[in-house]
Amino acid sequence: MKYKLTPLNIFCVLLVGEEIICFALPETVNNQIYGYQHIYLIPVIIVGFIIDYILQRLIKKYY
């Protein structure tokens, strides 16, 4: 199965990049009102990748 790039996949990759910046450079989130909102995005990213993978496998079977 060839893994294809989808909008959900691109969105999750952008969120991963944002998480890397927040954890590598914590001084960038010091002045934000929502300081720890990025902690709650980690499960969203993981679920997004899992849903994308499952949908690609199902669509390949029925396509």
PDB file of N, CA and C in Angstrom:
ATOM      1  N   MET A   1       0.834  -1.175   0.000  1.00  0.00           N
ATOM      2  CA  MET A   1       0.000   0.000   0.000  1.00  0.00           C
ATOM      3  C   MET A   1       0.881   1.241   0.000  1.00  0.00           C
ATOM      4  N   LYS A   2       0.606   2.126  -0.918  1.00  0.00           N
ATOM      5  CA  LYS A   2       1.340   3.379  -0.979  1.00  0.00           C
ATOM      6  C   LYS A   2       0.609   4.416  -0.136  1.00  0.00           C
ATOM      7  N   TYR A   3       1.318   5.014   0.798  1.00  0.00           N
ATOM      8  CA  TYR A   3       0.736   6.018   1.689  1.00  0.00           C
ATOM      9  C   TYR A   3       0.713   7.351   0.964  1.00  0.00           C
ATOM     10  N   LYS A   4      -0.474   7.928   0.803  1.00  0.00           N
ATOM     11  CA  LYS A   4      -0.638   9.167   0.056  1.00  0.00           C
ATOM     12  C   LYS A   4      -0.773  10.357   0.999  1.00  0.00           C
ATOM     13  N   LEU A   5      -0.415  11.504   0.492  1.00  0.00           N
ATOM     14  CA  LEU A   5      -0.530  12.746   1.243  1.00  0.00           C
ATOM     15  C   LEU A   5      -1.955  13.268   1.128  1.00  0.00           C
ATOM     16  N   THR A   6      -2.619  13.477   2.255  1.00  0.00           N
ATOM     17  CA  THR A   6      -3.995  13.955   2.289  1.00  0.00           C
ATOM     18  C   THR A   6      -4.063  15.259   3.078  1.00  0.00           C
ATOM     19  N   PRO A   7      -5.163  15.990   2.980  1.00  0.00           N
ATOM     20  CA  PRO A   7      -5.291  17.230   3.760  1.00  0.00           C
ATOM     21  C   PRO A   7      -5.192  16.997   5.271  1.00  0.00           C
ATOM     22  N   LEU A   8      -5.774  15.897   5.756  1.00  0.00           N
ATOM     23  CA  LEU A   8      -5.668  15.590   7.185  1.00  0.00           C
ATOM     24  C   LEU A   8      -4.222  15.316   7.577  1.00  0.00           C
ATOM     25  N   ASN A   9      -3.504  14.637   6.717  1.00  0.00           N
ATOM     26  CA  ASN A   9      -2.104  14.339   6.965  1.00  0.00           C
ATOM     27  C   ASN A   9      -1.264  15.625   6.985  1.00  0.00           C
ATOM     28  N   ILE A  10      -1.519  16.510   6.053  1.00  0.00           N
ATOM     29  CA  ILE A  10      -0.792  17.783   6.001  1.00  0.00           C
ATOM     30  C   ILE A  10      -1.074  18.609   7.257  1.00  0.00           C
ATOM     31  N   PHE A  11      -2.338  18.650   7.671  1.00  0.00           N
ATOM     32  CA  PHE A  11      -2.718  19.395   8.873  1.00  0.00           C
ATOM     33  C   PHE A  11      -2.013  18.841  10.113  1.00  0.00           C
ATOM     34  N   CYS A  12      -1.952  17.513  10.233  1.00  0.00           N
ATOM     35  CA  CYS A  12      -1.286  16.895  11.385  1.00  0.00           C
ATOM     36  C   CYS A  12       0.220  17.170  11.363  1.00  0.00           C
ATOM     37  N   VAL A  13       0.813  17.178  10.184  1.00  0.00           N
ATOM     38  CA  VAL A  13       2.247  17.480  10.087  1.00  0.00           C
ATOM     39  C   VAL A  13       2.513  18.919  10.498  1.00  0.00           C
ATOM     40  N   LEU A  14       1.634  19.840  10.114  1.00  0.00           N
ATOM     41  CA  LEU A  14       1.797  21.232  10.540  1.00  0.00           C
ATOM     42  C   LEU A  14       1.665  21.369  12.055  1.00  0.00           C
ATOM     43  N   LEU A  15       0.736  20.628  12.646  1.00  0.00           N
ATOM     44  CA  LEU A  15       0.602  20.654  14.102  1.00  0.00           C
ATOM     45  C   LEU A  15       1.821  20.057  14.793  1.00  0.00           C
ATOM     46  N   VAL A  16       2.408  19.016  14.208  1.00  0.00           N
ATOM     47  CA  VAL A  16       3.629  18.436  14.775  1.00  0.00           C
ATOM     48  C   VAL A  16       4.757  19.459  14.737  1.00  0.00           C
ATOM     49  N   GLY A  17       4.864  20.189  13.643  1.00  0.00           N
ATOM     50  CA  GLY A  17       5.880  21.238  13.549  1.00  0.00           C
ATOM     51  C   GLY A  17       5.688  22.314  14.598  1.00  0.00           C
ATOM     52  N   GLU A  18       4.449  22.681  14.842  1.00  0.00           N
ATOM     53  CA  GLU A  18       4.155  23.680  15.869  1.00  0.00           C
ATOM     54  C   GLU A  18       4.505  23.149  17.254  1.00  0.00           C
ATOM     55  N   GLU A  19       4.240  21.880  17.494  1.00  0.00           N
ATOM     56  CA  GLU A  19       4.582  21.269  18.783  1.00  0.00           C
ATOM     57  C   GLU A  19       6.095  21.225  18.988  1.00  0.00           C
ATOM     58  N   ILE A  20       6.827  20.911  17.956  1.00  0.00           N
ATOM     59  CA  ILE A  20       8.290  20.869  18.058  1.00  0.00           C
ATOM     60  C   ILE A  20       8.823  22.252  18.413  1.00  0.00           C
ATOM     61  N   ILE A  21       8.280  23.284  17.788  1.00  0.00           N
ATOM     62  CA  ILE A  21       8.717  24.644  18.093  1.00  0.00           C
ATOM     63  C   ILE A  21       8.379  25.010  19.535  1.00  0.00           C
ATOM     64  N   CYS A  22       7.190  24.641  19.992  1.00  0.00           N
ATOM     65  CA  CYS A  22       6.784  24.968  21.371  1.00  0.00           C
ATOM     66  C   CYS A  22       7.652  24.265  22.407  1.00  0.00           C
ATOM     67  N   PHE A  23       8.035  23.023  22.131  1.00  0.00           N
ATOM     68  CA  PHE A  23       8.858  22.295  23.096  1.00  0.00           C
ATOM     69  C   PHE A  23      10.345  22.628  22.977  1.00  0.00           C
ATOM     70  N   ALA A  24      10.813  22.945  21.784  1.00  0.00           N
ATOM     71  CA  ALA A  24      12.228  23.273  21.605  1.00  0.00           C
ATOM     72  C   ALA A  24      12.535  24.702  22.047  1.00  0.00           C
ATOM     73  N   LEU A  25      11.592  25.596  21.825  1.00  0.00           N
ATOM     74  CA  LEU A  25      11.775  27.000  22.185  1.00  0.00           C
ATOM     75  C   LEU A  25      10.646  27.437  23.117  1.00  0.00           C
ATOM     76  N   PRO A  26      10.710  27.080  24.395  1.00  0.00           N
ATOM     77  CA  PRO A  26       9.596  27.402  25.300  1.00  0.00           C
ATOM     78  C   PRO A  26       9.404  28.902  25.531  1.00  0.00           C
ATOM     79  N   GLU A  27      10.400  29.704  25.232  1.00  0.00           N
ATOM     80  CA  GLU A  27      10.240  31.149  25.428  1.00  0.00           C
ATOM     81  C   GLU A  27       9.265  31.750  24.414  1.00  0.00           C
ATOM     82  N   THR A  28       8.942  31.011  23.342  1.00  0.00           N
ATOM     83  CA  THR A  28       7.988  31.529  22.363  1.00  0.00           C
ATOM     84  C   THR A  28       6.563  31.487  22.877  1.00  0.00           C
ATOM     85  N   VAL A  29       6.279  30.666  23.881  1.00  0.00           N
ATOM     86  CA  VAL A  29       4.915  30.563  24.412  1.00  0.00           C
ATOM     87  C   VAL A  29       4.761  31.255  25.762  1.00  0.00           C
ATOM     88  N   ASN A  30       5.761  31.997  26.215  1.00  0.00           N
ATOM     89  CA  ASN A  30       5.680  32.665  27.524  1.00  0.00           C
ATOM     90  C   ASN A  30       4.607  33.737  27.561  1.00  0.00           C
ATOM     91  N   ASN A  31       4.440  34.491  26.489  1.00  0.00           N
ATOM     92  CA  ASN A  31       3.517  35.624  26.498  1.00  0.00           C
ATOM     93  C   ASN A  31       2.154  35.285  25.907  1.00  0.00           C
ATOM     94  N   GLN A  32       1.874  34.024  25.682  1.00  0.00           N
ATOM     95  CA  GLN A  32       0.584  33.639  25.119  1.00  0.00           C
ATOM     96  C   GLN A  32      -0.450  33.471  26.223  1.00  0.00           C
ATOM     97  N   ILE A  33      -1.683  33.803  25.889  1.00  0.00           N
ATOM     98  CA  ILE A  33      -2.776  33.650  26.845  1.00  0.00           C
ATOM     99  C   ILE A  33      -3.038  32.166  27.096  1.00  0.00           C
ATOM    100  N   TYR A  34      -3.031  31.384  26.025  1.00  0.00           N
ATOM    101  CA  TYR A  34      -3.283  29.947  26.110  1.00  0.00           C
ATOM    102  C   TYR A  34      -1.951  29.213  26.144  1.00  0.00           C
ATOM    103  N   GLY A  35      -1.287  29.226  27.267  1.00  0.00           N
ATOM    104  CA  GLY A  35       0.062  28.695  27.373  1.00  0.00           C
ATOM    105  C   GLY A  35       0.190  27.199  27.177  1.00  0.00           C
ATOM    106  N   TYR A  36      -0.727  26.415  27.724  1.00  0.00           N
ATOM    107  CA  TYR A  36      -0.590  24.958  27.662  1.00  0.00           C
ATOM    108  C   TYR A  36      -1.580  24.311  26.710  1.00  0.00           C
ATOM    109  N   GLN A  37      -2.115  25.053  25.783  1.00  0.00           N
ATOM    110  CA  GLN A  37      -3.057  24.459  24.838  1.00  0.00           C
ATOM    111  C   GLN A  37      -2.376  23.455  23.928  1.00  0.00           C
ATOM    112  N   HIS A  38      -1.076  23.593  23.717  1.00  0.00           N
ATOM    113  CA  HIS A  38      -0.370  22.679  22.830  1.00  0.00           C
ATOM    114  C   HIS A  38      -0.258  21.280  23.423  1.00  0.00           C
ATOM    115  N   ILE A  39      -0.382  21.144  24.728  1.00  0.00           N
ATOM    116  CA  ILE A  39      -0.359  19.821  25.361  1.00  0.00           C
ATOM    117  C   ILE A  39      -1.579  19.018  24.929  1.00  0.00           C
ATOM    118  N   TYR A  40      -2.710  19.679  24.769  1.00  0.00           N
ATOM    119  CA  TYR A  40      -3.937  18.992  24.380  1.00  0.00           C
ATOM    120  C   TYR A  40      -3.962  18.643  22.895  1.00  0.00           C
ATOM    121  N   LEU A  41      -3.065  19.220  22.110  1.00  0.00           N
ATOM    122  CA  LEU A  41      -3.028  18.914  20.684  1.00  0.00           C
ATOM    123  C   LEU A  41      -2.339  17.588  20.383  1.00  0.00           C
ATOM    124  N   ILE A  42      -1.525  17.084  21.299  1.00  0.00           N
ATOM    125  CA  ILE A  42      -0.794  15.846  21.049  1.00  0.00           C
ATOM    126  C   ILE A  42      -1.748  14.674  20.795  1.00  0.00           C
ATOM    127  N   PRO A  43      -2.784  14.438  21.618  1.00  0.00           N
ATOM    128  CA  PRO A  43      -3.716  13.348  21.285  1.00  0.00           C
ATOM    129  C   PRO A  43      -4.479  13.597  19.983  1.00  0.00           C
ATOM    130  N   VAL A  44      -4.769  14.856  19.678  1.00  0.00           N
ATOM    131  CA  VAL A  44      -5.461  15.178  18.431  1.00  0.00           C
ATOM    132  C   VAL A  44      -4.590  14.803  17.233  1.00  0.00           C
ATOM    133  N   ILE A  45      -3.301  15.073  17.319  1.00  0.00           N
ATOM    134  CA  ILE A  45      -2.379  14.731  16.240  1.00  0.00           C
ATOM    135  C   ILE A  45      -2.305  13.223  16.057  1.00  0.00           C
ATOM    136  N   ILE A  46      -2.162  12.494  17.150  1.00  0.00           N
ATOM    137  CA  ILE A  46      -2.056  11.035  17.074  1.00  0.00           C
ATOM    138  C   ILE A  46      -3.331  10.434  16.496  1.00  0.00           C
ATOM    139  N   VAL A  47      -4.481  10.889  16.968  1.00  0.00           N
ATOM    140  CA  VAL A  47      -5.756  10.379  16.450  1.00  0.00           C
ATOM    141  C   VAL A  47      -5.913  10.747  14.974  1.00  0.00           C
ATOM    142  N   GLY A  48      -5.478  11.921  14.590  1.00  0.00           N
ATOM    143  CA  GLY A  48      -5.544  12.332  13.183  1.00  0.00           C
ATOM    144  C   GLY A  48      -4.735  11.424  12.280  1.00  0.00           C
ATOM    145  N   PHE A  49      -3.511  11.084  12.704  1.00  0.00           N
ATOM    146  CA  PHE A  49      -2.687  10.170  11.902  1.00  0.00           C
ATOM    147  C   PHE A  49      -3.312   8.776  11.834  1.00  0.00           C
ATOM    148  N   ILE A  50      -3.878   8.308  12.935  1.00  0.00           N
ATOM    149  CA  ILE A  50      -4.498   6.976  12.952  1.00  0.00           C
ATOM    150  C   ILE A  50      -5.733   6.947  12.051  1.00  0.00           C
ATOM    151  N   ILE A  51      -6.580   7.957  12.137  1.00  0.00           N
ATOM    152  CA  ILE A  51      -7.777   8.017  11.293  1.00  0.00           C
ATOM    153  C   ILE A  51      -7.382   8.084   9.818  1.00  0.00           C
ATOM    154  N   ASP A  52      -6.369   8.881   9.503  1.00  0.00           N
ATOM    155  CA  ASP A  52      -5.913   8.993   8.123  1.00  0.00           C
ATOM    156  C   ASP A  52      -5.407   7.650   7.609  1.00  0.00           C
ATOM    157  N   TYR A  53      -4.646   6.939   8.412  1.00  0.00           N
ATOM    158  CA  TYR A  53      -4.117   5.641   8.011  1.00  0.00           C
ATOM    159  C   TYR A  53      -5.246   4.631   7.788  1.00  0.00           C
ATOM    160  N   ILE A  54      -6.205   4.602   8.708  1.00  0.00           N
ATOM    161  CA  ILE A  54      -7.328   3.659   8.584  1.00  0.00           C
ATOM    162  C   ILE A  54      -8.165   3.985   7.347  1.00  0.00           C
ATOM    163  N   LEU A  55      -8.448   5.257   7.115  1.00  0.00           N
ATOM    164  CA  LEU A  55      -9.232   5.631   5.944  1.00  0.00           C
ATOM    165  C   LEU A  55      -8.510   5.286   4.646  1.00  0.00           C
ATOM    166  N   GLN A  56      -7.207   5.466   4.600  1.00  0.00           N
ATOM    167  CA  GLN A  56      -6.466   5.104   3.392  1.00  0.00           C
ATOM    168  C   GLN A  56      -6.499   3.604   3.150  1.00  0.00           C
ATOM    169  N   ARG A  57      -6.446   2.818   4.191  1.00  0.00           N
ATOM    170  CA  ARG A  57      -6.527   1.362   4.015  1.00  0.00           C
ATOM    171  C   ARG A  57      -7.925   0.924   3.577  1.00  0.00           C
ATOM    172  N   LEU A  58      -8.972   1.516   4.168  1.00  0.00           N
ATOM    173  CA  LEU A  58     -10.340   1.146   3.803  1.00  0.00           C
ATOM    174  C   LEU A  58     -10.679   1.574   2.386  1.00  0.00           C
ATOM    175  N   ILE A  59     -10.285   2.782   2.018  1.00  0.00           N
ATOM    176  CA  ILE A  59     -10.581   3.279   0.680  1.00  0.00           C
ATOM    177  C   ILE A  59      -9.846   2.450  -0.365  1.00  0.00           C
ATOM    178  N   LYS A  60      -8.657   2.012  -0.072  1.00  0.00           N
ATOM    179  CA  LYS A  60      -7.897   1.179  -1.006  1.00  0.00           C
ATOM    180  C   LYS A  60      -8.603  -0.156  -1.226  1.00  0.00           C
ATOM    181  N   LYS A  61      -9.182  -0.723  -0.166  1.00  0.00           N
ATOM    182  CA  LYS A  61      -9.884  -2.007  -0.290  1.00  0.00           C
ATOM    183  C   LYS A  61     -11.135  -1.867  -1.152  1.00  0.00           C
ATOM    184  N   TYR A  62     -11.892  -0.796  -0.942  1.00  0.00           N
ATOM    185  CA  TYR A  62     -13.163  -0.656  -1.624  1.00  0.00           C
ATOM    186  C   TYR A  62     -13.060   0.098  -2.936  1.00  0.00           C
ATOM    187  N   TYR A  63     -11.917   0.624  -3.260  1.00  0.00           N
ATOM    188  CA  TYR A  63     -11.742   1.367  -4.495  1.00  0.00           C
ATOM    189  C   TYR A  63     -11.453   0.384  -5.591  1.00  0.00           C
TER     190      TYR A  63
END
